[in-house]
């Protein structure tokens, strides 16, 4: 699945999993470059992971949502991440070594 290997793919799927539907403009908080976002959206859509609906709300906007396949993939990825974090929790702040001076 080439689309899932693209930068920001997991973050976008995660955001869509948390929301029923997002506008393309909402995804700029994740992917700041329009060209990069367009390529990601196209790739995810071609693999039937997301659906894109053009809406006319004054200006042309795009509503993006997960397909059934996309929802399954996003849920699986979220569960895998959660399991990974539980078995390998991120370490807290590294403890600074304490040196004693002769003073």
C-alpha atoms as a PDB file:
ATOM      1  CA  UNK A   1       0.000   0.000   0.000  1.00  0.00           C
ATOM      2  CA  UNK A   2       2.005   2.885  -1.279  1.00  0.00           C
ATOM      3  CA  UNK A   3      -0.339   5.584   0.058  1.00  0.00           C
ATOM      4  CA  UNK A   4       0.143   4.408   3.636  1.00  0.00           C
ATOM      5  CA  UNK A   5       3.914   4.782   3.275  1.00  0.00           C
ATOM      6  CA  UNK A   6       3.586   8.480   2.447  1.00  0.00           C
ATOM      7  CA  UNK A   7       4.543  11.113   4.971  1.00  0.00           C
ATOM      8  CA  UNK A   8       1.556  12.311   7.055  1.00  0.00           C
ATOM      9  CA  UNK A   9      -0.676   9.366   5.985  1.00  0.00           C
ATOM     10  CA  UNK A  10      -1.077   8.024   9.527  1.00  0.00           C
ATOM     11  CA  UNK A  11      -1.750  11.480  10.966  1.00  0.00           C
ATOM     12  CA  UNK A  12      -4.415  12.216   8.347  1.00  0.00           C
ATOM     13  CA  UNK A  13      -6.105   8.835   8.868  1.00  0.00           C
ATOM     14  CA  UNK A  14      -6.028   9.371  12.618  1.00  0.00           C
ATOM     15  CA  UNK A  15      -7.671  12.793  12.270  1.00  0.00           C
ATOM     16  CA  UNK A  16     -10.352  11.356   9.987  1.00  0.00           C
ATOM     17  CA  UNK A  17     -10.960   8.488  12.395  1.00  0.00           C
ATOM     18  CA  UNK A  18     -11.629  10.973  15.188  1.00  0.00           C
ATOM     19  CA  UNK A  19     -14.030  12.985  12.992  1.00  0.00           C
ATOM     20  CA  UNK A  20     -16.817  11.802  10.759  1.00  0.00           C
ATOM     21  CA  UNK A  21     -15.750  14.164   8.004  1.00  0.00           C
ATOM     22  CA  UNK A  22     -13.168  16.906   7.560  1.00  0.00           C
ATOM     23  CA  UNK A  23     -12.775  19.642   5.023  1.00  0.00           C
ATOM     24  CA  UNK A  24      -9.547  19.685   3.081  1.00  0.00           C
ATOM     25  CA  UNK A  25      -8.693  22.994   4.740  1.00  0.00           C
ATOM     26  CA  UNK A  26      -8.881  21.252   8.152  1.00  0.00           C
ATOM     27  CA  UNK A  27      -6.006  18.998   7.116  1.00  0.00           C
ATOM     28  CA  UNK A  28      -3.648  21.949   6.667  1.00  0.00           C
ATOM     29  CA  UNK A  29      -3.011  21.760  10.412  1.00  0.00           C
ATOM     30  CA  UNK A  30      -1.342  18.399   9.674  1.00  0.00           C
ATOM     31  CA  UNK A  31       0.049  18.891   6.161  1.00  0.00           C
ATOM     32  CA  UNK A  32       1.031  22.494   5.584  1.00  0.00           C
ATOM     33  CA  UNK A  33       2.021  22.156   1.928  1.00  0.00           C
ATOM     34  CA  UNK A  34      -0.908  22.123  -0.522  1.00  0.00           C
ATOM     35  CA  UNK A  35       0.972  20.078  -3.129  1.00  0.00           C
ATOM     36  CA  UNK A  36       1.937  17.429  -0.568  1.00  0.00           C
ATOM     37  CA  UNK A  37      -1.626  17.278   0.730  1.00  0.00           C
ATOM     38  CA  UNK A  38      -3.050  16.925  -2.792  1.00  0.00           C
ATOM     39  CA  UNK A  39      -0.681  14.041  -3.566  1.00  0.00           C
ATOM     40  CA  UNK A  40      -1.575  12.299  -0.309  1.00  0.00           C
ATOM     41  CA  UNK A  41      -5.316  12.761  -0.842  1.00  0.00           C
ATOM     42  CA  UNK A  42      -5.058  11.461  -4.418  1.00  0.00           C
ATOM     43  CA  UNK A  43      -3.064   8.396  -3.333  1.00  0.00           C
ATOM     44  CA  UNK A  44      -5.420   7.572  -0.447  1.00  0.00           C
ATOM     45  CA  UNK A  45      -8.433   8.035  -2.704  1.00  0.00           C
ATOM     46  CA  UNK A  46      -6.971   5.811  -5.450  1.00  0.00           C
ATOM     47  CA  UNK A  47      -6.509   3.023  -2.905  1.00  0.00           C
ATOM     48  CA  UNK A  48     -10.125   3.468  -1.714  1.00  0.00           C
ATOM     49  CA  UNK A  49      -9.032   4.520   1.770  1.00  0.00           C
ATOM     50  CA  UNK A  50     -10.778   7.900   1.710  1.00  0.00           C
ATOM     51  CA  UNK A  51     -13.610   9.437  -0.241  1.00  0.00           C
ATOM     52  CA  UNK A  52     -13.581  13.026  -1.430  1.00  0.00           C
ATOM     53  CA  UNK A  53     -16.783  14.920  -2.084  1.00  0.00           C
ATOM     54  CA  UNK A  54     -16.769  18.306  -3.748  1.00  0.00           C
ATOM     55  CA  UNK A  55     -19.143  20.719  -2.043  1.00  0.00           C
ATOM     56  CA  UNK A  56     -20.136  24.190  -3.069  1.00  0.00           C
ATOM     57  CA  UNK A  57     -20.269  26.311   0.056  1.00  0.00           C
ATOM     58  CA  UNK A  58     -19.787  29.711  -1.508  1.00  0.00           C
ATOM     59  CA  UNK A  59     -16.417  28.502  -2.756  1.00  0.00           C
ATOM     60  CA  UNK A  60     -15.492  25.040  -3.899  1.00  0.00           C
ATOM     61  CA  UNK A  61     -14.492  22.929  -0.916  1.00  0.00           C
ATOM     62  CA  UNK A  62     -13.730  19.255  -0.465  1.00  0.00           C
ATOM     63  CA  UNK A  63     -15.217  17.074   2.261  1.00  0.00           C
ATOM     64  CA  UNK A  64     -13.010  14.105   3.074  1.00  0.00           C
ATOM     65  CA  UNK A  65     -14.033  10.998   4.967  1.00  0.00           C
ATOM     66  CA  UNK A  66     -12.800   7.465   5.493  1.00  0.00           C
ATOM     67  CA  UNK A  67     -14.251   4.664   3.425  1.00  0.00           C
ATOM     68  CA  UNK A  68     -15.148   1.421   5.187  1.00  0.00           C
ATOM     69  CA  UNK A  69     -11.747   0.051   4.153  1.00  0.00           C
ATOM     70  CA  UNK A  70     -10.062   3.229   5.384  1.00  0.00           C
ATOM     71  CA  UNK A  71     -11.843   3.085   8.734  1.00  0.00           C
ATOM     72  CA  UNK A  72     -10.666  -0.517   9.212  1.00  0.00           C
ATOM     73  CA  UNK A  73      -7.074   0.399   8.338  1.00  0.00           C
ATOM     74  CA  UNK A  74      -7.074   3.503  10.566  1.00  0.00           C
ATOM     75  CA  UNK A  75      -8.544   1.564  13.488  1.00  0.00           C
ATOM     76  CA  UNK A  76      -5.976  -1.208  13.068  1.00  0.00           C
ATOM     77  CA  UNK A  77      -3.099   1.286  12.910  1.00  0.00           C
ATOM     78  CA  UNK A  78      -4.343   3.105  16.011  1.00  0.00           C
ATOM     79  CA  UNK A  79      -4.644  -0.167  17.956  1.00  0.00           C
ATOM     80  CA  UNK A  80      -1.177  -1.246  16.805  1.00  0.00           C
ATOM     81  CA  UNK A  81       0.300   2.055  17.935  1.00  0.00           C
ATOM     82  CA  UNK A  82      -1.458   1.773  21.299  1.00  0.00           C
ATOM     83  CA  UNK A  83      -0.176  -1.793  21.798  1.00  0.00           C
ATOM     84  CA  UNK A  84       3.338  -0.727  20.848  1.00  0.00           C
ATOM     85  CA  UNK A  85       3.277   2.148  23.322  1.00  0.00           C
ATOM     86  CA  UNK A  86       2.016  -0.137  26.098  1.00  0.00           C
ATOM     87  CA  UNK A  87       4.761  -2.687  25.558  1.00  0.00           C
ATOM     88  CA  UNK A  88       7.457  -0.046  24.997  1.00  0.00           C
ATOM     89  CA  UNK A  89       6.419   3.098  26.869  1.00  0.00           C
ATOM     90  CA  UNK A  90       8.347   6.213  25.935  1.00  0.00           C
ATOM     91  CA  UNK A  91      10.929   6.987  28.546  1.00  0.00           C
ATOM     92  CA  UNK A  92      10.453  10.130  30.561  1.00  0.00           C
ATOM     93  CA  UNK A  93      13.014  12.845  30.854  1.00  0.00           C
ATOM     94  CA  UNK A  94      16.506  11.504  30.959  1.00  0.00           C
ATOM     95  CA  UNK A  95      17.922  11.785  34.406  1.00  0.00           C
ATOM     96  CA  UNK A  96      20.846  14.131  34.443  1.00  0.00           C
ATOM     97  CA  UNK A  97      23.986  12.649  35.859  1.00  0.00           C
ATOM     98  CA  UNK A  98      24.964  14.377  39.032  1.00  0.00           C
ATOM     99  CA  UNK A  99      28.568  15.244  39.558  1.00  0.00           C
ATOM    100  CA  UNK A 100      29.924  16.255  42.866  1.00  0.00           C
ATOM    101  CA  UNK A 101      32.500  18.923  42.933  1.00  0.00           C
ATOM    102  CA  UNK A 102      35.194  19.087  45.520  1.00  0.00           C
ATOM    103  CA  UNK A 103      34.043  22.447  46.865  1.00  0.00           C
END
